[in-house]
Amino acid sequence: ATLLSEAGWDASVVRTVGSHCADVVARRGGRILAVRCLSDTMPVDEDTVEEACMVRERERADLGMIVANGSCSKAARKLAVQTGIDLLREDELAGFVGQARPVT
């Protein structure tokens, strides 16, 4: 949330616990970003990507993202591309949020 806020997003940590809830929701220029954050040890698999899709829909977000430093299966990467979910490592987030320009 801090990185998003520093990049001009109105970002907040969501306190709801559950697999179908965003961890961070951010807004900028009419766009909404729903982010799922995984611990370092959690692998990203197809189920994780499907959950991120559900989170994006639940939040009525334009963008969906998983931030994880754990391993990522080939099938998860493929599904993420097909569904438009961005898969990022924590150190890639700053570069991403600066590129996701607001709608004008």
N, C-alpha and C. Protein backbone atom coordinates (compact mmCIF):
# COMPACT_ATOMS: atom_id res chain seq x y z
N ALA A 1 0.84 -1.19 0.00
CA ALA A 1 0.00 0.00 0.00
C ALA A 1 0.88 1.25 0.00
N THR A 2 1.99 1.19 0.71
CA THR A 2 2.88 2.34 0.78
C THR A 2 3.47 2.67 -0.59
N LEU A 3 3.95 1.65 -1.30
CA LEU A 3 4.52 1.88 -2.64
C LEU A 3 3.48 2.45 -3.59
N LEU A 4 2.27 1.93 -3.52
CA LEU A 4 1.20 2.44 -4.38
C LEU A 4 0.88 3.89 -4.04
N SER A 5 0.80 4.20 -2.75
CA SER A 5 0.52 5.58 -2.32
C SER A 5 1.62 6.53 -2.80
N GLU A 6 2.87 6.10 -2.69
CA GLU A 6 3.99 6.93 -3.14
C GLU A 6 3.97 7.17 -4.64
N ALA A 7 3.33 6.26 -5.38
CA ALA A 7 3.24 6.40 -6.84
C ALA A 7 1.97 7.13 -7.27
N GLY A 8 1.24 7.70 -6.30
CA GLY A 8 0.08 8.50 -6.64
C GLY A 8 -1.26 7.78 -6.58
N TRP A 9 -1.27 6.56 -6.11
CA TRP A 9 -2.51 5.81 -5.95
C TRP A 9 -3.09 6.11 -4.57
N ASP A 10 -4.41 6.07 -4.45
CA ASP A 10 -5.08 6.13 -3.16
C ASP A 10 -5.23 4.68 -2.73
N ALA A 11 -4.30 4.19 -1.93
CA ALA A 11 -4.23 2.77 -1.58
C ALA A 11 -4.52 2.54 -0.12
N SER A 12 -5.21 1.44 0.15
CA SER A 12 -5.49 1.09 1.54
C SER A 12 -5.40 -0.42 1.71
N VAL A 13 -4.94 -0.81 2.88
CA VAL A 13 -4.88 -2.22 3.25
C VAL A 13 -6.27 -2.64 3.68
N VAL A 14 -6.71 -3.76 3.17
CA VAL A 14 -8.03 -4.29 3.52
C VAL A 14 -7.87 -5.22 4.70
N ARG A 15 -8.65 -5.02 5.73
CA ARG A 15 -8.50 -5.80 6.97
C ARG A 15 -9.30 -7.10 6.96
N THR A 16 -10.09 -7.35 5.93
CA THR A 16 -10.87 -8.58 5.86
C THR A 16 -9.96 -9.75 5.56
N VAL A 17 -10.16 -10.86 6.24
CA VAL A 17 -9.34 -12.05 6.03
C VAL A 17 -10.13 -13.05 5.20
N GLY A 18 -9.47 -13.65 4.21
CA GLY A 18 -10.13 -14.66 3.39
C GLY A 18 -9.49 -14.75 2.03
N SER A 19 -9.66 -15.88 1.39
CA SER A 19 -9.01 -16.09 0.10
C SER A 19 -9.67 -15.30 -1.03
N HIS A 20 -10.89 -14.84 -0.81
CA HIS A 20 -11.58 -14.11 -1.87
C HIS A 20 -11.67 -12.62 -1.56
N CYS A 21 -10.71 -12.13 -0.80
CA CYS A 21 -10.65 -10.71 -0.45
C CYS A 21 -9.32 -10.13 -0.89
N ALA A 22 -9.35 -8.89 -1.30
CA ALA A 22 -8.11 -8.20 -1.64
C ALA A 22 -7.33 -7.89 -0.37
N ASP A 23 -6.02 -7.84 -0.48
CA ASP A 23 -5.18 -7.40 0.63
C ASP A 23 -4.98 -5.89 0.57
N VAL A 24 -4.92 -5.37 -0.66
CA VAL A 24 -4.78 -3.94 -0.89
C VAL A 24 -5.70 -3.56 -2.04
N VAL A 25 -6.40 -2.45 -1.88
CA VAL A 25 -7.20 -1.89 -2.97
C VAL A 25 -6.68 -0.48 -3.20
N ALA A 26 -6.42 -0.16 -4.47
CA ALA A 26 -5.87 1.15 -4.80
C ALA A 26 -6.67 1.76 -5.95
N ARG A 27 -6.80 3.09 -5.90
CA ARG A 27 -7.54 3.81 -6.93
C ARG A 27 -6.68 4.97 -7.44
N ARG A 28 -6.77 5.19 -8.76
CA ARG A 28 -6.07 6.33 -9.36
C ARG A 28 -6.65 6.58 -10.74
N GLY A 29 -7.01 7.82 -11.00
CA GLY A 29 -7.48 8.20 -12.33
C GLY A 29 -8.64 7.37 -12.83
N GLY A 30 -9.56 7.00 -11.96
CA GLY A 30 -10.72 6.23 -12.38
C GLY A 30 -10.47 4.73 -12.48
N ARG A 31 -9.26 4.28 -12.17
CA ARG A 31 -8.94 2.85 -12.23
C ARG A 31 -8.87 2.29 -10.82
N ILE A 32 -9.24 1.02 -10.70
CA ILE A 32 -9.16 0.32 -9.42
C ILE A 32 -8.26 -0.88 -9.59
N LEU A 33 -7.36 -1.07 -8.64
CA LEU A 33 -6.42 -2.18 -8.62
C LEU A 33 -6.66 -3.01 -7.36
N ALA A 34 -6.90 -4.30 -7.53
CA ALA A 34 -7.06 -5.23 -6.40
C ALA A 34 -5.81 -6.10 -6.32
N VAL A 35 -5.17 -6.12 -5.16
CA VAL A 35 -3.90 -6.82 -4.99
C VAL A 35 -4.05 -7.92 -3.95
N ARG A 36 -3.54 -9.10 -4.29
CA ARG A 36 -3.39 -10.20 -3.34
C ARG A 36 -1.90 -10.30 -3.03
N CYS A 37 -1.54 -10.31 -1.76
CA CYS A 37 -0.15 -10.42 -1.33
C CYS A 37 0.05 -11.77 -0.65
N LEU A 38 1.05 -12.51 -1.11
CA LEU A 38 1.32 -13.83 -0.55
C LEU A 38 2.63 -13.80 0.21
N SER A 39 2.70 -14.62 1.24
CA SER A 39 3.94 -14.72 2.01
C SER A 39 5.02 -15.34 1.14
N ASP A 40 6.26 -15.17 1.56
CA ASP A 40 7.40 -15.67 0.79
C ASP A 40 7.35 -17.16 0.52
N THR A 41 6.72 -17.91 1.39
CA THR A 41 6.74 -19.36 1.25
C THR A 41 5.58 -19.91 0.44
N MET A 42 4.58 -19.09 0.17
CA MET A 42 3.40 -19.59 -0.54
C MET A 42 3.67 -19.64 -2.05
N PRO A 43 3.53 -20.82 -2.65
CA PRO A 43 3.68 -20.89 -4.11
C PRO A 43 2.43 -20.36 -4.80
N VAL A 44 2.61 -19.84 -5.99
CA VAL A 44 1.49 -19.37 -6.80
C VAL A 44 1.13 -20.50 -7.75
N ASP A 45 -0.11 -20.97 -7.63
CA ASP A 45 -0.59 -22.03 -8.51
C ASP A 45 -1.86 -21.54 -9.22
N GLU A 46 -2.48 -22.42 -9.99
CA GLU A 46 -3.68 -22.02 -10.74
C GLU A 46 -4.80 -21.56 -9.81
N ASP A 47 -4.95 -22.22 -8.67
CA ASP A 47 -6.00 -21.82 -7.73
C ASP A 47 -5.78 -20.40 -7.23
N THR A 48 -4.53 -20.04 -7.00
CA THR A 48 -4.21 -18.69 -6.54
C THR A 48 -4.60 -17.65 -7.59
N VAL A 49 -4.33 -17.95 -8.85
CA VAL A 49 -4.69 -17.04 -9.94
C VAL A 49 -6.21 -16.94 -10.06
N GLU A 50 -6.91 -18.06 -9.94
CA GLU A 50 -8.37 -18.04 -9.99
C GLU A 50 -8.94 -17.20 -8.84
N GLU A 51 -8.35 -17.31 -7.66
CA GLU A 51 -8.78 -16.48 -6.53
C GLU A 51 -8.56 -15.00 -6.82
N ALA A 52 -7.44 -14.67 -7.44
CA ALA A 52 -7.17 -13.28 -7.79
C ALA A 52 -8.20 -12.74 -8.78
N CYS A 53 -8.65 -13.59 -9.69
CA CYS A 53 -9.72 -13.20 -10.63
C CYS A 53 -11.01 -12.91 -9.87
N MET A 54 -11.33 -13.76 -8.90
CA MET A 54 -12.54 -13.55 -8.09
C MET A 54 -12.43 -12.27 -7.27
N VAL A 55 -11.24 -12.01 -6.74
CA VAL A 55 -11.01 -10.79 -5.97
C VAL A 55 -11.21 -9.56 -6.86
N ARG A 56 -10.66 -9.61 -8.06
CA ARG A 56 -10.81 -8.49 -9.00
C ARG A 56 -12.28 -8.23 -9.29
N GLU A 57 -13.04 -9.30 -9.51
CA GLU A 57 -14.48 -9.16 -9.77
C GLU A 57 -15.21 -8.63 -8.55
N ARG A 58 -14.89 -9.17 -7.38
CA ARG A 58 -15.56 -8.76 -6.15
C ARG A 58 -15.34 -7.27 -5.87
N GLU A 59 -14.14 -6.80 -6.14
CA GLU A 59 -13.81 -5.39 -5.90
C GLU A 59 -14.23 -4.49 -7.06
N ARG A 60 -14.75 -5.11 -8.13
CA ARG A 60 -15.09 -4.38 -9.35
C ARG A 60 -13.89 -3.58 -9.86
N ALA A 61 -12.74 -4.24 -9.81
CA ALA A 61 -11.48 -3.61 -10.17
C ALA A 61 -11.18 -3.76 -11.65
N ASP A 62 -10.44 -2.81 -12.17
CA ASP A 62 -9.98 -2.86 -13.56
C ASP A 62 -8.75 -3.75 -13.69
N LEU A 63 -7.95 -3.78 -12.63
CA LEU A 63 -6.69 -4.51 -12.63
C LEU A 63 -6.64 -5.48 -11.46
N GLY A 64 -6.04 -6.63 -11.70
CA GLY A 64 -5.82 -7.60 -10.64
C GLY A 64 -4.36 -7.99 -10.60
N MET A 65 -3.84 -8.21 -9.39
CA MET A 65 -2.43 -8.48 -9.24
C MET A 65 -2.18 -9.43 -8.09
N ILE A 66 -1.16 -10.26 -8.26
CA ILE A 66 -0.64 -11.09 -7.18
C ILE A 66 0.81 -10.66 -6.97
N VAL A 67 1.14 -10.33 -5.73
CA VAL A 67 2.52 -10.00 -5.37
C VAL A 67 3.01 -11.14 -4.50
N ALA A 68 4.03 -11.85 -4.99
CA ALA A 68 4.54 -13.03 -4.27
C ALA A 68 6.00 -13.24 -4.61
N ASN A 69 6.76 -13.67 -3.64
CA ASN A 69 8.17 -13.97 -3.87
C ASN A 69 8.42 -15.47 -3.95
N GLY A 70 7.38 -16.27 -3.74
CA GLY A 70 7.52 -17.72 -3.81
C GLY A 70 7.55 -18.21 -5.25
N SER A 71 7.60 -19.50 -5.40
CA SER A 71 7.64 -20.08 -6.74
C SER A 71 6.29 -19.90 -7.44
N CYS A 72 6.32 -19.99 -8.74
CA CYS A 72 5.12 -19.83 -9.56
C CYS A 72 5.10 -20.93 -10.61
N SER A 73 4.02 -21.70 -10.63
CA SER A 73 3.96 -22.80 -11.59
C SER A 73 3.76 -22.28 -13.01
N LYS A 74 4.17 -23.08 -13.97
CA LYS A 74 4.01 -22.73 -15.38
C LYS A 74 2.52 -22.56 -15.71
N ALA A 75 1.69 -23.44 -15.17
CA ALA A 75 0.25 -23.36 -15.41
C ALA A 75 -0.33 -22.06 -14.84
N ALA A 76 0.17 -21.62 -13.68
CA ALA A 76 -0.30 -20.37 -13.08
C ALA A 76 0.08 -19.19 -13.96
N ARG A 77 1.30 -19.20 -14.48
CA ARG A 77 1.73 -18.11 -15.37
C ARG A 77 0.85 -18.04 -16.61
N LYS A 78 0.55 -19.20 -17.18
CA LYS A 78 -0.28 -19.25 -18.38
C LYS A 78 -1.68 -18.71 -18.09
N LEU A 79 -2.28 -19.16 -16.98
CA LEU A 79 -3.61 -18.70 -16.62
C LEU A 79 -3.61 -17.20 -16.32
N ALA A 80 -2.56 -16.70 -15.69
CA ALA A 80 -2.47 -15.27 -15.39
C ALA A 80 -2.48 -14.45 -16.69
N VAL A 81 -1.75 -14.91 -17.69
CA VAL A 81 -1.73 -14.22 -18.98
C VAL A 81 -3.13 -14.24 -19.60
N GLN A 82 -3.77 -15.40 -19.56
CA GLN A 82 -5.10 -15.55 -20.16
C GLN A 82 -6.15 -14.68 -19.48
N THR A 83 -6.03 -14.48 -18.17
CA THR A 83 -7.05 -13.77 -17.41
C THR A 83 -6.69 -12.31 -17.12
N GLY A 84 -5.48 -11.90 -17.47
CA GLY A 84 -5.07 -10.51 -17.24
C GLY A 84 -4.66 -10.21 -15.81
N ILE A 85 -4.26 -11.22 -15.07
CA ILE A 85 -3.76 -11.02 -13.71
C ILE A 85 -2.25 -10.82 -13.80
N ASP A 86 -1.77 -9.74 -13.21
CA ASP A 86 -0.33 -9.47 -13.20
C ASP A 86 0.32 -10.24 -12.06
N LEU A 87 1.40 -10.94 -12.35
CA LEU A 87 2.19 -11.66 -11.35
C LEU A 87 3.49 -10.90 -11.14
N LEU A 88 3.71 -10.42 -9.93
CA LEU A 88 4.91 -9.64 -9.65
C LEU A 88 5.60 -10.13 -8.40
N ARG A 89 6.91 -9.99 -8.40
CA ARG A 89 7.68 -10.17 -7.17
C ARG A 89 7.65 -8.82 -6.46
N GLU A 90 7.87 -8.84 -5.17
CA GLU A 90 7.80 -7.60 -4.39
C GLU A 90 8.72 -6.52 -4.94
N ASP A 91 9.91 -6.90 -5.41
CA ASP A 91 10.86 -5.91 -5.92
C ASP A 91 10.47 -5.36 -7.29
N GLU A 92 9.46 -5.92 -7.93
CA GLU A 92 8.98 -5.42 -9.22
C GLU A 92 7.80 -4.46 -9.07
N LEU A 93 7.23 -4.40 -7.89
CA LEU A 93 6.01 -3.61 -7.68
C LEU A 93 6.23 -2.12 -7.94
N ALA A 94 7.32 -1.57 -7.47
CA ALA A 94 7.56 -0.13 -7.65
C ALA A 94 7.57 0.25 -9.13
N GLY A 95 8.19 -0.57 -9.96
CA GLY A 95 8.22 -0.30 -11.39
C GLY A 95 6.84 -0.41 -12.02
N PHE A 96 6.05 -1.36 -11.57
CA PHE A 96 4.71 -1.55 -12.12
C PHE A 96 3.80 -0.38 -11.79
N VAL A 97 3.76 0.02 -10.54
CA VAL A 97 2.81 1.07 -10.14
C VAL A 97 3.11 2.40 -10.79
N GLY A 98 4.34 2.64 -11.14
CA GLY A 98 4.69 3.86 -11.83
C GLY A 98 4.28 3.84 -13.29
N GLN A 99 4.09 2.63 -13.86
CA GLN A 99 3.73 2.49 -15.26
C GLN A 99 2.23 2.45 -15.48
N ALA A 100 1.47 2.03 -14.50
CA ALA A 100 0.02 1.89 -14.66
C ALA A 100 -0.61 3.29 -14.60
N ARG A 101 -0.66 3.92 -15.72
CA ARG A 101 -1.11 5.31 -15.82
C ARG A 101 -2.62 5.44 -15.66
N PRO A 102 -3.06 6.56 -15.11
CA PRO A 102 -4.49 6.77 -14.96
C PRO A 102 -5.17 6.97 -16.31
N VAL A 103 -6.45 6.69 -16.34
CA VAL A 103 -7.26 6.92 -17.53
C VAL A 103 -7.51 8.41 -17.64
N THR A 104 -7.31 8.98 -18.83
CA THR A 104 -7.54 10.43 -18.99
C THR A 104 -8.71 10.70 -19.88
